[in-house]
C-alpha atoms as a PDB file:
ATOM      1  CA  MET A   1     -43.786  89.297 259.903  1.00  0.00           C
ATOM      2  CA  LYS A   2     -42.864  90.943 256.838  1.00  0.00           C
ATOM      3  CA  LYS A   3     -43.347  94.540 256.405  1.00  0.00           C
ATOM      4  CA  HIS A   4     -46.446  95.258 254.059  1.00  0.00           C
ATOM      5  CA  ALA A   5     -47.782  98.777 252.353  1.00  0.00           C
ATOM      6  CA  VAL A   6     -48.989 100.424 255.709  1.00  0.00           C
ATOM      7  CA  HIS A   7     -45.877  99.581 257.777  1.00  0.00           C
ATOM      8  CA  LEU A   8     -44.112 101.122 255.070  1.00  0.00           C
ATOM      9  CA  LEU A   9     -46.631 104.106 254.961  1.00  0.00           C
ATOM     10  CA  TYR A  10     -46.504 104.365 258.823  1.00  0.00           C
ATOM     11  CA  GLU A  11     -42.516 104.885 258.679  1.00  0.00           C
ATOM     12  CA  GLN A  12     -42.776 107.494 255.938  1.00  0.00           C
ATOM     13  CA  ARG A  13     -45.540 109.348 257.669  1.00  0.00           C
ATOM     14  CA  LEU A  14     -43.422 109.044 261.145  1.00  0.00           C
ATOM     15  CA  ALA A  15     -40.213 110.312 259.357  1.00  0.00           C
ATOM     16  CA  ARG A  16     -41.399 113.683 258.139  1.00  0.00           C
ATOM     17  CA  SER A  17     -43.728 114.265 261.395  1.00  0.00           C
ATOM     18  CA  THR A  18     -42.032 117.532 263.142  1.00  0.00           C
ATOM     19  CA  LYS A  19     -43.324 116.250 266.605  1.00  0.00           C
ATOM     20  CA  PRO A  20     -44.347 113.251 268.370  1.00  0.00           C
ATOM     21  CA  PHE A  21     -47.340 111.701 267.337  1.00  0.00           C
ATOM     22  CA  LYS A  22     -49.502 111.050 271.016  1.00  0.00           C
ATOM     23  CA  ALA A  23     -52.157 108.143 270.721  1.00  0.00           C
ATOM     24  CA  ARG A  24     -54.437 107.342 273.860  1.00  0.00           C
ATOM     25  CA  GLY A  25     -52.564 104.912 275.436  1.00  0.00           C
ATOM     26  CA  GLY A  26     -49.241 106.243 274.353  1.00  0.00           C
ATOM     27  CA  ALA A  27     -47.260 104.678 277.625  1.00  0.00           C
ATOM     28  CA  VAL A  28     -47.991 101.346 276.370  1.00  0.00           C
ATOM     29  CA  ARG A  29     -45.291  99.052 274.380  1.00  0.00           C
ATOM     30  CA  ARG A  30     -46.297  98.631 271.593  1.00  0.00           C
ATOM     31  CA  CYS A  31     -45.603  95.671 269.124  1.00  0.00           C
ATOM     32  CA  ALA A  32     -43.776  97.689 265.843  1.00  0.00           C
ATOM     33  CA  PHE A  33     -45.890  95.135 263.290  1.00  0.00           C
ATOM     34  CA  CYS A  34     -49.670  94.802 264.902  1.00  0.00           C
ATOM     35  CA  ARG A  35     -49.428  98.182 267.306  1.00  0.00           C
ATOM     36  CA  ILE A  36     -50.808  95.955 269.970  1.00  0.00           C
ATOM     37  CA  ASP A  37     -49.332  96.039 273.370  1.00  0.00           C
ATOM     38  CA  ALA A  38     -46.302  93.625 272.882  1.00  0.00           C
ATOM     39  CA  GLU A  39     -48.010  91.690 276.040  1.00  0.00           C
ATOM     40  CA  PHE A  40     -51.000  90.928 273.573  1.00  0.00           C
ATOM     41  CA  CYS A  41     -49.397  90.630 270.244  1.00  0.00           C
ATOM     42  CA  ILE A  42     -50.962  89.285 267.832  1.00  0.00           C
ATOM     43  CA  CYS A  43     -48.385  88.818 264.926  1.00  0.00           C
ATOM     44  CA  ALA A  44     -47.873  84.792 265.635  1.00  0.00           C
ATOM     45  CA  PHE A  45     -51.443  84.345 264.877  1.00  0.00           C
ATOM     46  CA  LYS A  46     -51.660  86.232 261.569  1.00  0.00           C
ATOM     47  CA  PRO A  47     -53.307  83.513 258.669  1.00  0.00           C
ATOM     48  CA  GLU A  48     -52.062  83.429 255.150  1.00  0.00           C
ATOM     49  CA  LEU A  49     -54.173  84.350 252.184  1.00  0.00           C
ATOM     50  CA  SER A  50     -54.618  84.242 248.831  1.00  0.00           C
ATOM     51  CA  SER A  51     -56.909  86.667 246.834  1.00  0.00           C
ATOM     52  CA  ASN A  52     -58.088  87.789 243.582  1.00  0.00           C
ATOM     53  CA  ALA A  53     -58.951  91.429 244.845  1.00  0.00           C
ATOM     54  CA  GLY A  54     -56.648  94.232 245.086  1.00  0.00           C
ATOM     55  CA  PHE A  55     -56.935  97.480 248.359  1.00  0.00           C
ATOM     56  CA  LEU A  56     -56.096 100.398 247.769  1.00  0.00           C
ATOM     57  CA  LEU A  57     -55.890 102.478 251.180  1.00  0.00           C
ATOM     58  CA  LEU A  58     -56.279 106.337 251.096  1.00  0.00           C
ATOM     59  CA  TYR A  59     -55.140 107.759 254.478  1.00  0.00           C
ATOM     60  CA  TYR A  60     -56.248 110.673 255.538  1.00  0.00           C
ATOM     61  CA  ASP A  61     -52.789 112.813 256.883  1.00  0.00           C
ATOM     62  CA  ASP A  62     -52.158 111.378 260.639  1.00  0.00           C
ATOM     63  CA  GLU A  63     -54.997 108.580 260.081  1.00  0.00           C
ATOM     64  CA  VAL A  64     -52.001 106.011 259.559  1.00  0.00           C
ATOM     65  CA  LEU A  65     -50.109 106.744 262.462  1.00  0.00           C
ATOM     66  CA  LYS A  66     -52.854 105.976 265.209  1.00  0.00           C
ATOM     67  CA  PRO A  67     -52.078 102.559 266.475  1.00  0.00           C
ATOM     68  CA  SER A  68     -56.472 101.589 266.514  1.00  0.00           C
ATOM     69  CA  ASN A  69     -56.370 102.235 262.656  1.00  0.00           C
ATOM     70  CA  SER A  70     -57.684  98.729 261.140  1.00  0.00           C
ATOM     71  CA  GLY A  71     -57.019  99.456 257.762  1.00  0.00           C
ATOM     72  CA  ARG A  72     -53.683  98.031 258.919  1.00  0.00           C
ATOM     73  CA  LEU A  73     -55.834  94.409 259.412  1.00  0.00           C
ATOM     74  CA  ILE A  74     -55.989  94.472 255.136  1.00  0.00           C
ATOM     75  CA  ALA A  75     -52.805  94.829 254.554  1.00  0.00           C
ATOM     76  CA  ASP A  76     -51.812  91.769 257.100  1.00  0.00           C
ATOM     77  CA  LEU A  77     -53.679  89.105 255.199  1.00  0.00           C
ATOM     78  CA  ILE A  78     -54.453  90.409 251.239  1.00  0.00           C
ATOM     79  CA  PRO A  79     -51.044  90.497 249.618  1.00  0.00           C
ATOM     80  CA  ASP A  80     -51.938  93.315 246.913  1.00  0.00           C
ATOM     81  CA  THR A  81     -52.805  95.977 249.405  1.00  0.00           C
ATOM     82  CA  PHE A  82     -51.616  99.624 248.370  1.00  0.00           C
ATOM     83  CA  ALA A  83     -51.152 102.467 251.133  1.00  0.00           C
ATOM     84  CA  PHE A  84     -51.273 106.524 249.923  1.00  0.00           C
ATOM     85  CA  ILE A  85     -51.469 109.237 252.194  1.00  0.00           C
ATOM     86  CA  TRP A  86     -54.434 111.822 250.617  1.00  0.00           C
ATOM     87  CA  GLN A  87     -53.086 115.180 249.328  1.00  0.00           C
ATOM     88  CA  ARG A  88     -55.386 117.927 248.434  1.00  0.00           C
ATOM     89  CA  THR A  89     -53.379 119.597 246.063  1.00  0.00           C
ATOM     90  CA  SER A  90     -51.330 116.982 244.443  1.00  0.00           C
ATOM     91  CA  VAL A  91     -51.790 113.223 243.664  1.00  0.00           C
ATOM     92  CA  GLU A  92     -48.277 110.813 243.473  1.00  0.00           C
ATOM     93  CA  GLN A  93     -47.429 109.346 240.561  1.00  0.00           C
ATOM     94  CA  ALA A  94     -47.482 106.174 242.021  1.00  0.00           C
ATOM     95  CA  LEU A  95     -50.615 105.735 243.050  1.00  0.00           C
ATOM     96  CA  LEU A  96     -51.723 107.285 239.745  1.00  0.00           C
ATOM     97  CA  GLU A  97     -49.657 103.980 238.361  1.00  0.00           C
ATOM     98  CA  VAL A  98     -52.006 101.353 240.673  1.00  0.00           C
ATOM     99  CA  LEU A  99     -54.907 103.411 239.517  1.00  0.00           C
ATOM    100  CA  ALA A 100     -54.397 102.740 235.504  1.00  0.00           C
ATOM    101  CA  ASP A 101     -52.351  99.634 235.803  1.00  0.00           C
ATOM    102  CA  PRO A 102     -54.559  97.655 233.259  1.00  0.00           C
ATOM    103  CA  GLN A 103     -54.853  94.253 235.639  1.00  0.00           C
ATOM    104  CA  TRP A 104     -57.149  96.371 237.963  1.00  0.00           C
ATOM    105  CA  GLN A 105     -61.053  97.340 238.142  1.00  0.00           C
ATOM    106  CA  PRO A 106     -60.990 100.214 240.310  1.00  0.00           C
ATOM    107  CA  MET A 107     -63.829 101.312 242.448  1.00  0.00           C
ATOM    108  CA  VAL A 108     -64.812 102.887 245.398  1.00  0.00           C
ATOM    109  CA  ILE A 109     -66.254 101.947 248.377  1.00  0.00           C
ATOM    110  CA  PHE A 110     -68.874 105.011 249.550  1.00  0.00           C
ATOM    111  CA  PRO A 111     -72.444 105.669 250.581  1.00  0.00           C
ATOM    112  CA  GLU A 112     -74.432 106.171 247.156  1.00  0.00           C
ATOM    113  CA  GLU A 113     -75.731 109.102 247.967  1.00  0.00           C
ATOM    114  CA  TYR A 114     -72.605 110.988 247.730  1.00  0.00           C
ATOM    115  CA  ALA A 115     -72.546 109.938 244.555  1.00  0.00           C
ATOM    116  CA  ALA A 116     -72.987 112.315 241.250  1.00  0.00           C
ATOM    117  CA  GLU A 117     -75.958 111.706 238.966  1.00  0.00           C
ATOM    118  CA  GLY A 118     -75.206 109.278 236.783  1.00  0.00           C
ATOM    119  CA  ARG A 119     -72.051 107.890 238.212  1.00  0.00           C
ATOM    120  CA  SER A 120     -72.092 104.226 237.999  1.00  0.00           C
ATOM    121  CA  VAL A 121     -73.059 102.158 241.528  1.00  0.00           C
ATOM    122  CA  PHE A 122     -72.435  98.578 242.210  1.00  0.00           C
ATOM    123  CA  ARG A 123     -75.153  97.684 245.332  1.00  0.00           C
ATOM    124  CA  LYS A 124     -75.692  93.700 245.816  1.00  0.00           C
ATOM    125  CA  SER A 125     -73.229  92.584 242.926  1.00  0.00           C
ATOM    126  CA  ILE A 126     -70.145  93.550 241.315  1.00  0.00           C
ATOM    127  CA  VAL A 127     -69.678  93.144 237.663  1.00  0.00           C
ATOM    128  CA  ILE A 128     -66.176  91.918 236.814  1.00  0.00           C
ATOM    129  CA  GLU A 129     -64.849  93.101 233.255  1.00  0.00           C
ATOM    130  CA  GLN A 130     -63.046  89.927 231.619  1.00  0.00           C
ATOM    131  CA  GLY A 131     -58.987  89.572 232.347  1.00  0.00           C
ATOM    132  CA  LYS A 132     -59.627  92.217 235.125  1.00  0.00           C
ATOM    133  CA  ARG A 133     -59.537  91.881 239.191  1.00  0.00           C
ATOM    134  CA  PRO A 134     -61.274  94.140 241.493  1.00  0.00           C
ATOM    135  CA  LEU A 135     -59.494  97.170 243.567  1.00  0.00           C
ATOM    136  CA  PHE A 136     -61.273  97.974 246.001  1.00  0.00           C
ATOM    137  CA  ILE A 137     -60.122 101.670 247.199  1.00  0.00           C
ATOM    138  CA  LEU A 138     -61.033 102.904 250.646  1.00  0.00           C
ATOM    139  CA  LEU A 139     -60.769 106.206 251.988  1.00  0.00           C
ATOM    140  CA  ASP A 140     -59.085 105.753 255.329  1.00  0.00           C
ATOM    141  CA  GLY A 141     -60.289 108.635 257.996  1.00  0.00           C
ATOM    142  CA  SER A 142     -62.544 109.975 260.206  1.00  0.00           C
ATOM    143  CA  TRP A 143     -66.239 110.227 258.317  1.00  0.00           C
ATOM    144  CA  ARG A 144     -65.591 114.089 258.303  1.00  0.00           C
ATOM    145  CA  GLU A 145     -62.441 113.340 256.419  1.00  0.00           C
ATOM    146  CA  ALA A 146     -63.414 110.283 254.503  1.00  0.00           C
ATOM    147  CA  LYS A 147     -66.035 112.853 252.800  1.00  0.00           C
ATOM    148  CA  LYS A 148     -63.524 115.383 252.050  1.00  0.00           C
ATOM    149  CA  MET A 149     -61.635 112.897 250.463  1.00  0.00           C
ATOM    150  CA  PHE A 150     -64.241 111.926 248.230  1.00  0.00           C
ATOM    151  CA  ARG A 151     -65.268 115.022 247.253  1.00  0.00           C
ATOM    152  CA  ASN A 152     -61.648 116.366 246.550  1.00  0.00           C
ATOM    153  CA  SER A 153     -60.005 113.205 244.667  1.00  0.00           C
ATOM    154  CA  GLU A 154     -61.105 114.462 241.024  1.00  0.00           C
ATOM    155  CA  TYR A 155     -58.908 111.410 239.717  1.00  0.00           C
ATOM    156  CA  LEU A 156     -61.299 109.051 241.424  1.00  0.00           C
ATOM    157  CA  ASP A 157     -64.925 110.108 239.800  1.00  0.00           C
ATOM    158  CA  LYS A 158     -64.306 108.419 236.447  1.00  0.00           C
ATOM    159  CA  PHE A 159     -64.191 104.943 238.826  1.00  0.00           C
ATOM    160  CA  PRO A 160     -67.648 103.019 240.061  1.00  0.00           C
ATOM    161  CA  VAL A 161     -69.509 103.655 243.569  1.00  0.00           C
ATOM    162  CA  LEU A 162     -69.439 100.409 245.566  1.00  0.00           C
ATOM    163  CA  ALA A 163     -72.287 101.292 248.372  1.00  0.00           C
ATOM    164  CA  PHE A 164     -73.030  99.488 251.158  1.00  0.00           C
ATOM    165  CA  ASN A 165     -76.146  99.782 253.511  1.00  0.00           C
ATOM    166  CA  PRO A 166     -74.942  97.970 256.343  1.00  0.00           C
ATOM    167  CA  GLU A 167     -77.999  96.841 259.157  1.00  0.00           C
ATOM    168  CA  GLN A 168     -75.453  95.374 261.683  1.00  0.00           C
ATOM    169  CA  LYS A 169     -73.930  98.159 264.064  1.00  0.00           C
ATOM    170  CA  SER A 170     -70.241  98.498 264.209  1.00  0.00           C
ATOM    171  CA  ARG A 171     -68.357  95.969 266.230  1.00  0.00           C
ATOM    172  CA  TYR A 172     -65.424  98.235 266.902  1.00  0.00           C
ATOM    173  CA  LEU A 173     -65.181  99.406 270.079  1.00  0.00           C
ATOM    174  CA  VAL A 174     -61.512 100.554 270.104  1.00  0.00           C
ATOM    175  CA  ARG A 175     -62.726 103.859 268.868  1.00  0.00           C
ATOM    176  CA  THR A 176     -66.528 105.269 268.273  1.00  0.00           C
ATOM    177  CA  ALA A 177     -67.938 106.073 265.012  1.00  0.00           C
ATOM    178  CA  SER A 178     -69.625 109.397 264.398  1.00  0.00           C
ATOM    179  CA  TYR A 179     -72.862 106.954 263.739  1.00  0.00           C
ATOM    180  CA  GLU A 180     -73.635 103.510 264.689  1.00  0.00           C
ATOM    181  CA  HIS A 181     -73.958 102.447 261.119  1.00  0.00           C
ATOM    182  CA  HIS A 182     -70.403 103.320 260.097  1.00  0.00           C
ATOM    183  CA  LEU A 183     -68.335 100.267 260.043  1.00  0.00           C
ATOM    184  CA  ALA A 184     -64.752 100.527 260.374  1.00  0.00           C
ATOM    185  CA  THR A 185     -62.238 100.228 257.066  1.00  0.00           C
ATOM    186  CA  ALA A 186     -61.811  96.280 257.912  1.00  0.00           C
ATOM    187  CA  GLU A 187     -64.814  95.386 258.553  1.00  0.00           C
ATOM    188  CA  VAL A 188     -66.106  97.199 254.937  1.00  0.00           C
ATOM    189  CA  ALA A 189     -63.137  95.291 253.199  1.00  0.00           C
ATOM    190  CA  ALA A 190     -64.639  92.235 254.852  1.00  0.00           C
ATOM    191  CA  ALA A 191     -67.780  92.463 253.324  1.00  0.00           C
ATOM    192  CA  ALA A 192     -66.448  93.957 249.768  1.00  0.00           C
ATOM    193  CA  LEU A 193     -64.877  90.172 249.679  1.00  0.00           C
ATOM    194  CA  THR A 194     -68.258  88.483 250.633  1.00  0.00           C
ATOM    195  CA  LEU A 195     -69.844  90.417 248.100  1.00  0.00           C
ATOM    196  CA  LEU A 196     -67.138  89.351 245.660  1.00  0.00           C
ATOM    197  CA  GLY A 197     -67.969  85.509 246.370  1.00  0.00           C
ATOM    198  CA  GLU A 198     -64.545  85.401 248.593  1.00  0.00           C
ATOM    199  CA  VAL A 199     -66.413  84.398 251.792  1.00  0.00           C
ATOM    200  CA  ARG A 200     -64.168  82.235 253.389  1.00  0.00           C
ATOM    201  CA  ASN A 201     -61.419  85.323 253.137  1.00  0.00           C
ATOM    202  CA  GLY A 202     -64.017  87.701 254.308  1.00  0.00           C
ATOM    203  CA  GLU A 203     -65.125  85.618 256.963  1.00  0.00           C
ATOM    204  CA  PHE A 204     -61.243  85.483 257.859  1.00  0.00           C
ATOM    205  CA  LEU A 205     -60.607  89.488 257.965  1.00  0.00           C
ATOM    206  CA  ASP A 206     -64.120  89.904 260.031  1.00  0.00           C
ATOM    207  CA  THR A 207     -62.122  87.236 262.334  1.00  0.00           C
ATOM    208  CA  TRP A 208     -59.108  88.987 262.487  1.00  0.00           C
ATOM    209  CA  PHE A 209     -60.482  92.184 262.972  1.00  0.00           C
ATOM    210  CA  ASP A 210     -62.228  90.684 266.117  1.00  0.00           C
ATOM    211  CA  VAL A 211     -59.092  89.155 267.323  1.00  0.00           C
ATOM    212  CA  PHE A 212     -56.849  92.562 266.836  1.00  0.00           C
ATOM    213  CA  SER A 213     -60.377  94.619 268.403  1.00  0.00           C
ATOM    214  CA  TYR A 214     -60.073  92.455 271.244  1.00  0.00           C
ATOM    215  CA  ARG A 215     -56.428  91.909 272.047  1.00  0.00           C
ATOM    216  CA  TYR A 216     -56.247  95.637 271.967  1.00  0.00           C
ATOM    217  CA  GLN A 217     -58.312  96.388 274.465  1.00  0.00           C
ATOM    218  CA  GLN A 218     -56.314  94.200 276.947  1.00  0.00           C
ATOM    219  CA  GLY A 219     -53.246  96.516 276.303  1.00  0.00           C
ATOM    220  CA  VAL A 220     -55.114  99.749 276.600  1.00  0.00           C
ATOM    221  CA  MET A 221     -58.643  99.157 278.574  1.00  0.00           C
ATOM    222  CA  ARG A 222     -59.883  97.905 281.857  1.00  0.00           C
ATOM    223  CA  LYS A 223     -63.245  97.275 280.469  1.00  0.00           C
ATOM    224  CA  ASN A 224     -63.014  94.516 277.570  1.00  0.00           C
ATOM    225  CA  GLN A 225     -65.888  94.941 275.323  1.00  0.00           C
ATOM    226  CA  GLY A 226     -64.400  92.870 272.729  1.00  0.00           C
ATOM    227  CA  ASP A 227     -64.749  88.891 271.759  1.00  0.00           C
ATOM    228  CA  ALA A 228     -63.213  87.122 273.921  1.00  0.00           C
ATOM    229  CA  SER A 229     -63.813  83.790 271.684  1.00  0.00           C
ATOM    230  CA  SER A 230     -62.464  85.329 268.791  1.00  0.00           C
ATOM    231  CA  LEU A 231     -59.059  83.680 268.541  1.00  0.00           C
ATOM    232  CA  ASP A 232     -60.447  80.536 268.959  1.00  0.00           C
ATOM    233  CA  ARG A 233     -62.443  81.300 266.291  1.00  0.00           C
ATOM    234  CA  LEU A 234     -60.128  82.409 263.909  1.00  0.00           C
ATOM    235  CA  GLU A 235     -57.970  78.939 265.068  1.00  0.00           C
ATOM    236  CA  LEU A 236     -61.037  76.790 264.172  1.00  0.00           C
ATOM    237  CA  LEU A 237     -61.077  78.489 260.285  1.00  0.00           C
ATOM    238  CA  LEU A 238     -57.380  77.662 260.332  1.00  0.00           C
ATOM    239  CA  ALA A 239     -58.159  74.369 260.948  1.00  0.00           C
ATOM    240  CA  LYS A 240     -61.066  74.222 258.264  1.00  0.00           C
ATOM    241  CA  VAL A 241     -58.080  75.612 255.668  1.00  0.00           C
ATOM    242  CA  ASN A 242     -55.448  73.086 256.423  1.00  0.00           C
END
């Protein structure tokens, strides 16, 4: 598998660590790409997609080091995915350059109630300017960390918010969210693609997320609560395309 933006960011963050990062299941011999137990590696099943959308993942410090992080799955499938570590007191020039690139129309995916009065909010539809491509900005960390990033990133304040009000519970059983309606990063990205009209890509990402969740649990948990049929569903999607 070719390294993408999240792989490269992982390597950069790991290189500046002053002590080893100890994740749950630390004894597991993981694939360097999918970060799952090598016995249950999913790299060979990864589909190749094209999309008009781009994603910018803004990670809270060590979130990118966690093998359970689902943001990586977006970069697996969506070619134009960018990844950066959020910094409270400074902003990487490369990040600002992506946001300023005229091909993109950036929007921050976050709950509407946290948007300042007067800020533009997309809810059930997205309006894309002619000649622009949507750039979905995702704040990746715990719920507490994501709120901190949203409130303290002034360079994002000028962009509209894309707000989801999911009725379904998250399917992510590898990690427990603060609230059951808080979706994993990859689940949110799949919903954004579907709202954009890229229904097939949204379905692929949703299914890829389920494949990851199930196989990840095979490597670290005795009881697997994931979807055992997810890989079969992925193969059916691929068969429809081919």
